[in-house]
Amino acid sequence: MAIEAVAALFFKQAEDTRKRATELYNRLRLDDKQTQAISLIESIENQELRDFVKAQWALQIVGLESHSVDLSPYSYKLPLPNDSIYEKDEQNKTSVTEKESPSTRHFIR
């Protein structure tokens, strides 16, 4: 009887330890995701957009619902194959050119 009680206590403690380890692992993963999010947000070159994204993320962190937002004023339109920005070199291959704007840098094929 005593051996069975010790075994039951051991399994109970092992289960509690497993739950605590899982919770710790989940917290560590959340911390890592938040660190990556901060790095990503800080890499945004456009100051106005970066501040806006920070505000939206802060609302999410504190549990307030942030509404979907139209970010089209901050995005750029990718060129279509028939656009005049395509340049052909002497071997008739499409070359890649770099175009810079004040807020971002994009590569256009």
PDB file of N, CA and C in Angstrom:
ATOM      1  N   MET A   1       0.819  -1.193   0.000  1.00  0.00           N
ATOM      2  CA  MET A   1       0.000   0.000   0.000  1.00  0.00           C
ATOM      3  C   MET A   1       0.871   1.269   0.000  1.00  0.00           C
ATOM      4  N   ALA A   2       1.917   1.274   0.793  1.00  0.00           N
ATOM      5  CA  ALA A   2       2.793   2.440   0.877  1.00  0.00           C
ATOM      6  C   ALA A   2       3.503   2.670  -0.453  1.00  0.00           C
ATOM      7  N   ILE A   3       3.893   1.602  -1.122  1.00  0.00           N
ATOM      8  CA  ILE A   3       4.584   1.734  -2.408  1.00  0.00           C
ATOM      9  C   ILE A   3       3.641   2.349  -3.434  1.00  0.00           C
ATOM     10  N   GLU A   4       2.392   1.938  -3.423  1.00  0.00           N
ATOM     11  CA  GLU A   4       1.410   2.480  -4.364  1.00  0.00           C
ATOM     12  C   GLU A   4       1.154   3.967  -4.095  1.00  0.00           C
ATOM     13  N   ALA A   5       1.135   4.358  -2.829  1.00  0.00           N
ATOM     14  CA  ALA A   5       0.919   5.757  -2.467  1.00  0.00           C
ATOM     15  C   ALA A   5       2.099   6.607  -2.926  1.00  0.00           C
ATOM     16  N   VAL A   6       3.323   6.091  -2.749  1.00  0.00           N
ATOM     17  CA  VAL A   6       4.512   6.812  -3.177  1.00  0.00           C
ATOM     18  C   VAL A   6       4.518   6.939  -4.701  1.00  0.00           C
ATOM     19  N   ALA A   7       4.152   5.881  -5.393  1.00  0.00           N
ATOM     20  CA  ALA A   7       4.100   5.916  -6.856  1.00  0.00           C
ATOM     21  C   ALA A   7       3.072   6.937  -7.333  1.00  0.00           C
ATOM     22  N   ALA A   8       1.906   6.958  -6.711  1.00  0.00           N
ATOM     23  CA  ALA A   8       0.862   7.919  -7.084  1.00  0.00           C
ATOM     24  C   ALA A   8       1.339   9.345  -6.828  1.00  0.00           C
ATOM     25  N   LEU A   9       2.004   9.576  -5.702  1.00  0.00           N
ATOM     26  CA  LEU A   9       2.539  10.905  -5.387  1.00  0.00           C
ATOM     27  C   LEU A   9       3.602  11.304  -6.409  1.00  0.00           C
ATOM     28  N   PHE A  10       4.454  10.366  -6.784  1.00  0.00           N
ATOM     29  CA  PHE A  10       5.493  10.626  -7.772  1.00  0.00           C
ATOM     30  C   PHE A  10       4.877  11.041  -9.106  1.00  0.00           C
ATOM     31  N   PHE A  11       3.881  10.302  -9.567  1.00  0.00           N
ATOM     32  CA  PHE A  11       3.249  10.630 -10.837  1.00  0.00           C
ATOM     33  C   PHE A  11       2.521  11.961 -10.777  1.00  0.00           C
ATOM     34  N   LYS A  12       1.931  12.275  -9.649  1.00  0.00           N
ATOM     35  CA  LYS A  12       1.247  13.566  -9.491  1.00  0.00           C
ATOM     36  C   LYS A  12       2.265  14.703  -9.582  1.00  0.00           C
ATOM     37  N   GLN A  13       3.395  14.558  -8.888  1.00  0.00           N
ATOM     38  CA  GLN A  13       4.424  15.592  -8.932  1.00  0.00           C
ATOM     39  C   GLN A  13       5.041  15.697 -10.328  1.00  0.00           C
ATOM     40  N   ALA A  14       5.217  14.582 -11.003  1.00  0.00           N
ATOM     41  CA  ALA A  14       5.761  14.606 -12.361  1.00  0.00           C
ATOM     42  C   ALA A  14       4.804  15.342 -13.301  1.00  0.00           C
ATOM     43  N   GLU A  15       3.518  15.119 -13.154  1.00  0.00           N
ATOM     44  CA  GLU A  15       2.528  15.805 -13.990  1.00  0.00           C
ATOM     45  C   GLU A  15       2.531  17.316 -13.712  1.00  0.00           C
ATOM     46  N   ASP A  16       2.608  17.705 -12.450  1.00  0.00           N
ATOM     47  CA  ASP A  16       2.679  19.127 -12.092  1.00  0.00           C
ATOM     48  C   ASP A  16       3.946  19.772 -12.666  1.00  0.00           C
ATOM     49  N   THR A  17       5.062  19.063 -12.587  1.00  0.00           N
ATOM     50  CA  THR A  17       6.319  19.576 -13.118  1.00  0.00           C
ATOM     51  C   THR A  17       6.225  19.737 -14.636  1.00  0.00           C
ATOM     52  N   ARG A  18       5.620  18.777 -15.316  1.00  0.00           N
ATOM     53  CA  ARG A  18       5.446  18.869 -16.763  1.00  0.00           C
ATOM     54  C   ARG A  18       4.588  20.075 -17.129  1.00  0.00           C
ATOM     55  N   LYS A  19       3.514  20.318 -16.380  1.00  0.00           N
ATOM     56  CA  LYS A  19       2.652  21.482 -16.650  1.00  0.00           C
ATOM     57  C   LYS A  19       3.420  22.790 -16.462  1.00  0.00           C
ATOM     58  N   ARG A  20       4.198  22.890 -15.378  1.00  0.00           N
ATOM     59  CA  ARG A  20       4.977  24.108 -15.140  1.00  0.00           C
ATOM     60  C   ARG A  20       6.029  24.322 -16.218  1.00  0.00           C
ATOM     61  N   ALA A  21       6.674  23.238 -16.662  1.00  0.00           N
ATOM     62  CA  ALA A  21       7.685  23.346 -17.720  1.00  0.00           C
ATOM     63  C   ALA A  21       7.038  23.802 -19.026  1.00  0.00           C
ATOM     64  N   THR A  22       5.861  23.287 -19.330  1.00  0.00           N
ATOM     65  CA  THR A  22       5.149  23.692 -20.544  1.00  0.00           C
ATOM     66  C   THR A  22       4.770  25.164 -20.476  1.00  0.00           C
ATOM     67  N   GLU A  23       4.284  25.622 -19.330  1.00  0.00           N
ATOM     68  CA  GLU A  23       3.936  27.036 -19.161  1.00  0.00           C
ATOM     69  C   GLU A  23       5.174  27.925 -19.327  1.00  0.00           C
ATOM     70  N   LEU A  24       6.295  27.512 -18.754  1.00  0.00           N
ATOM     71  CA  LEU A  24       7.535  28.274 -18.886  1.00  0.00           C
ATOM     72  C   LEU A  24       7.968  28.335 -20.347  1.00  0.00           C
ATOM     73  N   TYR A  25       7.918  27.212 -21.031  1.00  0.00           N
ATOM     74  CA  TYR A  25       8.291  27.175 -22.440  1.00  0.00           C
ATOM     75  C   TYR A  25       7.390  28.101 -23.255  1.00  0.00           C
ATOM     76  N   ASN A  26       6.098  28.090 -22.997  1.00  0.00           N
ATOM     77  CA  ASN A  26       5.167  28.968 -23.720  1.00  0.00           C
ATOM     78  C   ASN A  26       5.458  30.439 -23.454  1.00  0.00           C
ATOM     79  N   ARG A  27       5.792  30.786 -22.219  1.00  0.00           N
ATOM     80  CA  ARG A  27       6.148  32.176 -21.903  1.00  0.00           C
ATOM     81  C   ARG A  27       7.425  32.585 -22.622  1.00  0.00           C
ATOM     82  N   LEU A  28       8.396  31.686 -22.666  1.00  0.00           N
ATOM     83  CA  LEU A  28       9.650  31.986 -23.361  1.00  0.00           C
ATOM     84  C   LEU A  28       9.418  32.178 -24.854  1.00  0.00           C
ATOM     85  N   ARG A  29       8.561  31.366 -25.444  1.00  0.00           N
ATOM     86  CA  ARG A  29       8.235  31.521 -26.865  1.00  0.00           C
ATOM     87  C   ARG A  29       7.531  32.851 -27.109  1.00  0.00           C
ATOM     88  N   LEU A  30       6.622  33.236 -26.218  1.00  0.00           N
ATOM     89  CA  LEU A  30       5.924  34.516 -26.350  1.00  0.00           C
ATOM     90  C   LEU A  30       6.916  35.668 -26.244  1.00  0.00           C
ATOM     91  N   ASP A  31       7.846  35.588 -25.296  1.00  0.00           N
ATOM     92  CA  ASP A  31       8.866  36.630 -25.166  1.00  0.00           C
ATOM     93  C   ASP A  31       9.704  36.740 -26.428  1.00  0.00           C
ATOM     94  N   ASP A  32      10.064  35.590 -27.011  1.00  0.00           N
ATOM     95  CA  ASP A  32      10.864  35.597 -28.234  1.00  0.00           C
ATOM     96  C   ASP A  32      10.079  36.216 -29.382  1.00  0.00           C
ATOM     97  N   LYS A  33       8.799  35.882 -29.491  1.00  0.00           N
ATOM     98  CA  LYS A  33       7.965  36.469 -30.548  1.00  0.00           C
ATOM     99  C   LYS A  33       7.853  37.978 -30.371  1.00  0.00           C
ATOM    100  N   GLN A  34       7.718  38.438 -29.139  1.00  0.00           N
ATOM    101  CA  GLN A  34       7.628  39.867 -28.895  1.00  0.00           C
ATOM    102  C   GLN A  34       8.939  40.567 -29.242  1.00  0.00           C
ATOM    103  N   THR A  35      10.056  39.949 -28.926  1.00  0.00           N
ATOM    104  CA  THR A  35      11.358  40.525 -29.277  1.00  0.00           C
ATOM    105  C   THR A  35      11.509  40.623 -30.785  1.00  0.00           C
ATOM    106  N   GLN A  36      11.090  39.584 -31.497  1.00  0.00           N
ATOM    107  CA  GLN A  36      11.142  39.615 -32.959  1.00  0.00           C
ATOM    108  C   GLN A  36      10.206  40.691 -33.520  1.00  0.00           C
ATOM    109  N   ALA A  37       9.035  40.851 -32.918  1.00  0.00           N
ATOM    110  CA  ALA A  37       8.095  41.877 -33.380  1.00  0.00           C
ATOM    111  C   ALA A  37       8.684  43.270 -33.182  1.00  0.00           C
ATOM    112  N   ILE A  38       9.328  43.496 -32.060  1.00  0.00           N
ATOM    113  CA  ILE A  38       9.954  44.802 -31.805  1.00  0.00           C
ATOM    114  C   ILE A  38      11.028  45.079 -32.850  1.00  0.00           C
ATOM    115  N   SER A  39      11.851  44.089 -33.136  1.00  0.00           N
ATOM    116  CA  SER A  39      12.904  44.267 -34.152  1.00  0.00           C
ATOM    117  C   SER A  39      12.304  44.564 -35.512  1.00  0.00           C
ATOM    118  N   LEU A  40      11.253  43.853 -35.852  1.00  0.00           N
ATOM    119  CA  LEU A  40      10.601  44.067 -37.143  1.00  0.00           C
ATOM    120  C   LEU A  40       9.991  45.465 -37.220  1.00  0.00           C
ATOM    121  N   ILE A  41       9.318  45.881 -36.175  1.00  0.00           N
ATOM    122  CA  ILE A  41       8.709  47.218 -36.164  1.00  0.00           C
ATOM    123  C   ILE A  41       9.782  48.300 -36.249  1.00  0.00           C
ATOM    124  N   GLU A  42      10.872  48.124 -35.519  1.00  0.00           N
ATOM    125  CA  GLU A  42      11.940  49.121 -35.539  1.00  0.00           C
ATOM    126  C   GLU A  42      12.643  49.191 -36.894  1.00  0.00           C
ATOM    127  N   SER A  43      12.505  48.147 -37.710  1.00  0.00           N
ATOM    128  CA  SER A  43      13.149  48.158 -39.024  1.00  0.00           C
ATOM    129  C   SER A  43      12.341  48.933 -40.071  1.00  0.00           C
ATOM    130  N   ILE A  44      11.132  49.344 -39.740  1.00  0.00           N
ATOM    131  CA  ILE A  44      10.311  50.117 -40.680  1.00  0.00           C
ATOM    132  C   ILE A  44      10.928  51.500 -40.833  1.00  0.00           C
ATOM    133  N   GLU A  45      11.273  51.864 -42.058  1.00  0.00           N
ATOM    134  CA  GLU A  45      11.964  53.128 -42.291  1.00  0.00           C
ATOM    135  C   GLU A  45      11.034  54.338 -42.213  1.00  0.00           C
ATOM    136  N   ASN A  46       9.809  54.201 -42.624  1.00  0.00           N
ATOM    137  CA  ASN A  46       8.852  55.304 -42.618  1.00  0.00           C
ATOM    138  C   ASN A  46       8.418  55.580 -41.177  1.00  0.00           C
ATOM    139  N   GLN A  47       8.804  56.735 -40.637  1.00  0.00           N
ATOM    140  CA  GLN A  47       8.545  57.076 -39.238  1.00  0.00           C
ATOM    141  C   GLN A  47       7.052  57.079 -38.917  1.00  0.00           C
ATOM    142  N   GLU A  48       6.260  57.645 -39.793  1.00  0.00           N
ATOM    143  CA  GLU A  48       4.808  57.723 -39.551  1.00  0.00           C
ATOM    144  C   GLU A  48       4.195  56.328 -39.490  1.00  0.00           C
ATOM    145  N   LEU A  49       4.570  55.471 -40.423  1.00  0.00           N
ATOM    146  CA  LEU A  49       4.064  54.094 -40.434  1.00  0.00           C
ATOM    147  C   LEU A  49       4.559  53.328 -39.221  1.00  0.00           C
ATOM    148  N   ARG A  50       5.829  53.491 -38.851  1.00  0.00           N
ATOM    149  CA  ARG A  50       6.388  52.809 -37.687  1.00  0.00           C
ATOM    150  C   ARG A  50       5.628  53.194 -36.418  1.00  0.00           C
ATOM    151  N   ASP A  51       5.347  54.490 -36.238  1.00  0.00           N
ATOM    152  CA  ASP A  51       4.593  54.939 -35.067  1.00  0.00           C
ATOM    153  C   ASP A  51       3.183  54.365 -35.060  1.00  0.00           C
ATOM    154  N   PHE A  52       2.585  54.297 -36.225  1.00  0.00           N
ATOM    155  CA  PHE A  52       1.232  53.756 -36.350  1.00  0.00           C
ATOM    156  C   PHE A  52       1.208  52.270 -35.979  1.00  0.00           C
ATOM    157  N   VAL A  53       2.184  51.504 -36.474  1.00  0.00           N
ATOM    158  CA  VAL A  53       2.260  50.075 -36.171  1.00  0.00           C
ATOM    159  C   VAL A  53       2.523  49.868 -34.684  1.00  0.00           C
ATOM    160  N   LYS A  54       3.371  50.693 -34.090  1.00  0.00           N
ATOM    161  CA  LYS A  54       3.632  50.592 -32.651  1.00  0.00           C
ATOM    162  C   LYS A  54       2.353  50.803 -31.853  1.00  0.00           C
ATOM    163  N   ALA A  55       1.566  51.795 -32.260  1.00  0.00           N
ATOM    164  CA  ALA A  55       0.314  52.075 -31.547  1.00  0.00           C
ATOM    165  C   ALA A  55      -0.660  50.903 -31.668  1.00  0.00           C
ATOM    166  N   GLN A  56      -0.764  50.322 -32.857  1.00  0.00           N
ATOM    167  CA  GLN A  56      -1.651  49.173 -33.061  1.00  0.00           C
ATOM    168  C   GLN A  56      -1.195  47.975 -32.228  1.00  0.00           C
ATOM    169  N   TRP A  57       0.109  47.751 -32.190  1.00  0.00           N
ATOM    170  CA  TRP A  57       0.628  46.625 -31.433  1.00  0.00           C
ATOM    171  C   TRP A  57       0.418  46.839 -29.934  1.00  0.00           C
ATOM    172  N   ALA A  58       0.585  48.062 -29.481  1.00  0.00           N
ATOM    173  CA  ALA A  58       0.366  48.371 -28.058  1.00  0.00           C
ATOM    174  C   ALA A  58      -1.080  48.077 -27.668  1.00  0.00           C
ATOM    175  N   LEU A  59      -2.014  48.399 -28.541  1.00  0.00           N
ATOM    176  CA  LEU A  59      -3.419  48.096 -28.261  1.00  0.00           C
ATOM    177  C   LEU A  59      -3.635  46.588 -28.130  1.00  0.00           C
ATOM    178  N   GLN A  60      -2.995  45.819 -28.969  1.00  0.00           N
ATOM    179  CA  GLN A  60      -3.119  44.365 -28.898  1.00  0.00           C
ATOM    180  C   GLN A  60      -2.519  43.817 -27.605  1.00  0.00           C
ATOM    181  N   ILE A  61      -1.372  44.364 -27.206  1.00  0.00           N
ATOM    182  CA  ILE A  61      -0.703  43.870 -26.005  1.00  0.00           C
ATOM    183  C   ILE A  61      -1.562  44.072 -24.762  1.00  0.00           C
ATOM    184  N   VAL A  62      -2.216  45.217 -24.671  1.00  0.00           N
ATOM    185  CA  VAL A  62      -3.025  45.485 -23.480  1.00  0.00           C
ATOM    186  C   VAL A  62      -4.416  44.869 -23.573  1.00  0.00           C
ATOM    187  N   GLY A  63      -4.687  44.182 -24.687  1.00  0.00           N
ATOM    188  CA  GLY A  63      -5.940  43.454 -24.794  1.00  0.00           C
ATOM    189  C   GLY A  63      -7.085  44.215 -25.430  1.00  0.00           C
ATOM    190  N   LEU A  64      -6.816  45.411 -25.915  1.00  0.00           N
ATOM    191  CA  LEU A  64      -7.860  46.157 -26.599  1.00  0.00           C
ATOM    192  C   LEU A  64      -7.908  45.718 -28.054  1.00  0.00           C
ATOM    193  N   GLU A  65      -9.091  45.701 -28.604  1.00  0.00           N
ATOM    194  CA  GLU A  65      -9.243  45.269 -29.991  1.00  0.00           C
ATOM    195  C   GLU A  65      -8.862  46.404 -30.917  1.00  0.00           C
ATOM    196  N   SER A  66      -7.908  46.129 -31.778  1.00  0.00           N
ATOM    197  CA  SER A  66      -7.545  47.115 -32.785  1.00  0.00           C
ATOM    198  C   SER A  66      -8.331  46.784 -34.044  1.00  0.00           C
ATOM    199  N   HIS A  67      -8.832  47.811 -34.691  1.00  0.00           N
ATOM    200  CA  HIS A  67      -9.642  47.618 -35.888  1.00  0.00           C
ATOM    201  C   HIS A  67      -8.739  47.477 -37.099  1.00  0.00           C
ATOM    202  N   SER A  68      -9.247  46.793 -38.123  1.00  0.00           N
ATOM    203  CA  SER A  68      -8.456  46.667 -39.339  1.00  0.00           C
ATOM    204  C   SER A  68      -8.255  48.048 -39.946  1.00  0.00           C
ATOM    205  N   VAL A  69      -7.075  48.243 -40.501  1.00  0.00           N
ATOM    206  CA  VAL A  69      -6.660  49.556 -40.958  1.00  0.00           C
ATOM    207  C   VAL A  69      -6.218  49.473 -42.411  1.00  0.00           C
ATOM    208  N   ASP A  70      -6.533  50.490 -43.174  1.00  0.00           N
ATOM    209  CA  ASP A  70      -6.106  50.573 -44.566  1.00  0.00           C
ATOM    210  C   ASP A  70      -4.677  51.107 -44.612  1.00  0.00           C
ATOM    211  N   LEU A  71      -3.742  50.252 -44.998  1.00  0.00           N
ATOM    212  CA  LEU A  71      -2.342  50.652 -45.078  1.00  0.00           C
ATOM    213  C   LEU A  71      -1.922  50.990 -46.503  1.00  0.00           C
ATOM    214  N   SER A  72      -2.875  51.091 -47.400  1.00  0.00           N
ATOM    215  CA  SER A  72      -2.530  51.359 -48.798  1.00  0.00           C
ATOM    216  C   SER A  72      -1.775  52.673 -49.007  1.00  0.00           C
ATOM    217  N   PRO A  73      -2.009  53.719 -48.205  1.00  0.00           N
ATOM    218  CA  PRO A  73      -1.199  54.922 -48.409  1.00  0.00           C
ATOM    219  C   PRO A  73       0.296  54.688 -48.158  1.00  0.00           C
ATOM    220  N   TYR A  74       0.637  53.637 -47.416  1.00  0.00           N
ATOM    221  CA  TYR A  74       2.033  53.355 -47.084  1.00  0.00           C
ATOM    222  C   TYR A  74       2.656  52.316 -48.003  1.00  0.00           C
ATOM    223  N   SER A  75       1.848  51.697 -48.833  1.00  0.00           N
ATOM    224  CA  SER A  75       2.373  50.654 -49.706  1.00  0.00           C
ATOM    225  C   SER A  75       2.696  51.229 -51.072  1.00  0.00           C
ATOM    226  N   TYR A  76       3.413  50.467 -51.833  1.00  0.00           N
ATOM    227  CA  TYR A  76       3.738  50.884 -53.182  1.00  0.00           C
ATOM    228  C   TYR A  76       3.191  49.835 -54.144  1.00  0.00           C
ATOM    229  N   LYS A  77       2.926  50.243 -55.357  1.00  0.00           N
ATOM    230  CA  LYS A  77       2.370  49.354 -56.363  1.00  0.00           C
ATOM    231  C   LYS A  77       3.513  48.663 -57.097  1.00  0.00           C
ATOM    232  N   LEU A  78       3.461  47.343 -57.132  1.00  0.00           N
ATOM    233  CA  LEU A  78       4.465  46.603 -57.869  1.00  0.00           C
ATOM    234  C   LEU A  78       4.208  46.772 -59.365  1.00  0.00           C
ATOM    235  N   PRO A  79       5.249  46.866 -60.157  1.00  0.00           N
ATOM    236  CA  PRO A  79       5.066  47.073 -61.602  1.00  0.00           C
ATOM    237  C   PRO A  79       4.551  45.816 -62.285  1.00  0.00           C
ATOM    238  N   LEU A  80       3.827  46.005 -63.360  1.00  0.00           N
ATOM    239  CA  LEU A  80       3.365  44.913 -64.193  1.00  0.00           C
ATOM    240  C   LEU A  80       4.381  44.681 -65.302  1.00  0.00           C
ATOM    241  N   PRO A  81       4.383  43.508 -65.915  1.00  0.00           N
ATOM    242  CA  PRO A  81       5.382  43.222 -66.954  1.00  0.00           C
ATOM    243  C   PRO A  81       5.369  44.210 -68.118  1.00  0.00           C
ATOM    244  N   ASN A  82       4.259  44.847 -68.423  1.00  0.00           N
ATOM    245  CA  ASN A  82       4.195  45.780 -69.547  1.00  0.00           C
ATOM    246  C   ASN A  82       4.551  47.215 -69.167  1.00  0.00           C
ATOM    247  N   ASP A  83       4.874  47.447 -67.893  1.00  0.00           N
ATOM    248  CA  ASP A  83       5.240  48.797 -67.459  1.00  0.00           C
ATOM    249  C   ASP A  83       6.565  49.219 -68.083  1.00  0.00           C
ATOM    250  N   SER A  84       6.757  50.517 -68.262  1.00  0.00           N
ATOM    251  CA  SER A  84       7.943  51.040 -68.938  1.00  0.00           C
ATOM    252  C   SER A  84       9.214  50.942 -68.098  1.00  0.00           C
ATOM    253  N   ILE A  85       9.127  50.544 -66.854  1.00  0.00           N
ATOM    254  CA  ILE A  85      10.330  50.484 -66.020  1.00  0.00           C
ATOM    255  C   ILE A  85      11.169  49.261 -66.307  1.00  0.00           C
ATOM    256  N   TYR A  86      10.644  48.334 -67.105  1.00  0.00           N
ATOM    257  CA  TYR A  86      11.434  47.175 -67.489  1.00  0.00           C
ATOM    258  C   TYR A  86      12.487  47.609 -68.491  1.00  0.00           C
ATOM    259  N   GLU A  87      13.692  47.188 -68.261  1.00  0.00           N
ATOM    260  CA  GLU A  87      14.791  47.523 -69.158  1.00  0.00           C
ATOM    261  C   GLU A  87      15.364  46.234 -69.729  1.00  0.00           C
ATOM    262  N   LYS A  88      15.585  46.213 -71.008  1.00  0.00           N
ATOM    263  CA  LYS A  88      16.165  45.030 -71.649  1.00  0.00           C
ATOM    264  C   LYS A  88      17.647  45.294 -71.905  1.00  0.00           C
ATOM    265  N   ASP A  89      18.476  44.319 -71.581  1.00  0.00           N
ATOM    266  CA  ASP A  89      19.895  44.474 -71.889  1.00  0.00           C
ATOM    267  C   ASP A  89      20.198  43.881 -73.265  1.00  0.00           C
ATOM    268  N   GLU A  90      21.470  43.838 -73.628  1.00  0.00           N
ATOM    269  CA  GLU A  90      21.813  43.420 -74.975  1.00  0.00           C
ATOM    270  C   GLU A  90      21.486  41.955 -75.258  1.00  0.00           C
ATOM    271  N   GLN A  91      21.337  41.122 -74.258  1.00  0.00           N
ATOM    272  CA  GLN A  91      20.995  39.716 -74.481  1.00  0.00           C
ATOM    273  C   GLN A  91      19.485  39.503 -74.391  1.00  0.00           C
ATOM    274  N   ASN A  92      18.734  40.585 -74.349  1.00  0.00           N
ATOM    275  CA  ASN A  92      17.273  40.568 -74.298  1.00  0.00           C
ATOM    276  C   ASN A  92      16.750  39.907 -73.022  1.00  0.00           C
ATOM    277  N   LYS A  93      17.507  40.075 -71.925  1.00  0.00           N
ATOM    278  CA  LYS A  93      17.072  39.575 -70.624  1.00  0.00           C
ATOM    279  C   LYS A  93      16.599  40.769 -69.799  1.00  0.00           C
ATOM    280  N   THR A  94      15.693  40.517 -68.895  1.00  0.00           N
ATOM    281  CA  THR A  94      15.235  41.580 -68.014  1.00  0.00           C
ATOM    282  C   THR A  94      16.290  41.827 -66.955  1.00  0.00           C
ATOM    283  N   SER A  95      16.704  43.063 -66.790  1.00  0.00           N
ATOM    284  CA  SER A  95      17.681  43.379 -65.756  1.00  0.00           C
ATOM    285  C   SER A  95      16.965  43.957 -64.545  1.00  0.00           C
ATOM    286  N   VAL A  96      17.605  43.850 -63.413  1.00  0.00           N
ATOM    287  CA  VAL A  96      17.029  44.343 -62.171  1.00  0.00           C
ATOM    288  C   VAL A  96      17.591  45.723 -61.904  1.00  0.00           C
ATOM    289  N   THR A  97      16.714  46.673 -61.638  1.00  0.00           N
ATOM    290  CA  THR A  97      17.149  48.021 -61.294  1.00  0.00           C
ATOM    291  C   THR A  97      16.670  48.349 -59.900  1.00  0.00           C
ATOM    292  N   GLU A  98      17.388  49.220 -59.235  1.00  0.00           N
ATOM    293  CA  GLU A  98      17.029  49.608 -57.877  1.00  0.00           C
ATOM    294  C   GLU A  98      16.407  50.987 -57.915  1.00  0.00           C
ATOM    295  N   LYS A  99      15.282  51.132 -57.217  1.00  0.00           N
ATOM    296  CA  LYS A  99      14.593  52.408 -57.156  1.00  0.00           C
ATOM    297  C   LYS A  99      14.436  52.773 -55.684  1.00  0.00           C
ATOM    298  N   GLU A 100      14.851  53.962 -55.329  1.00  0.00           N
ATOM    299  CA  GLU A 100      14.734  54.380 -53.942  1.00  0.00           C
ATOM    300  C   GLU A 100      13.714  55.494 -53.826  1.00  0.00           C
ATOM    301  N   SER A 101      12.932  55.424 -52.761  1.00  0.00           N
ATOM    302  CA  SER A 101      12.015  56.505 -52.429  1.00  0.00           C
ATOM    303  C   SER A 101      12.406  57.002 -51.045  1.00  0.00           C
ATOM    304  N   PRO A 102      11.870  58.118 -50.594  1.00  0.00           N
ATOM    305  CA  PRO A 102      12.271  58.641 -49.282  1.00  0.00           C
ATOM    306  C   PRO A 102      11.970  57.681 -48.134  1.00  0.00           C
ATOM    307  N   SER A 103      10.914  56.878 -48.255  1.00  0.00           N
ATOM    308  CA  SER A 103      10.526  56.064 -47.115  1.00  0.00           C
ATOM    309  C   SER A 103      10.935  54.606 -47.231  1.00  0.00           C
ATOM    310  N   THR A 104      11.245  54.148 -48.417  1.00  0.00           N
ATOM    311  CA  THR A 104      11.545  52.730 -48.549  1.00  0.00           C
ATOM    312  C   THR A 104      12.437  52.504 -49.757  1.00  0.00           C
ATOM    313  N   ARG A 105      12.968  51.322 -49.851  1.00  0.00           N
ATOM    314  CA  ARG A 105      13.790  50.937 -50.975  1.00  0.00           C
ATOM    315  C   ARG A 105      13.181  49.668 -51.535  1.00  0.00           C
ATOM    316  N   HIS A 106      12.916  49.626 -52.838  1.00  0.00           N
ATOM    317  CA  HIS A 106      12.385  48.424 -53.434  1.00  0.00           C
ATOM    318  C   HIS A 106      13.177  48.061 -54.665  1.00  0.00           C
ATOM    319  N   PHE A 107      13.130  46.806 -54.972  1.00  0.00           N
ATOM    320  CA  PHE A 107      13.805  46.302 -56.150  1.00  0.00           C
ATOM    321  C   PHE A 107      12.758  45.949 -57.173  1.00  0.00           C
ATOM    322  N   ILE A 108      12.981  46.404 -58.381  1.00  0.00           N
ATOM    323  CA  ILE A 108      12.006  46.217 -59.442  1.00  0.00           C
ATOM    324  C   ILE A 108      12.643  45.392 -60.542  1.00  0.00           C
ATOM    325  N   ARG A 109      11.937  44.400 -61.005  1.00  0.00           N
ATOM    326  CA  ARG A 109      12.426  43.567 -62.121  1.00  0.00           C
ATOM    327  C   ARG A 109      11.931  44.125 -63.411  1.00  0.00           C
TER     328      ARG A 109
END
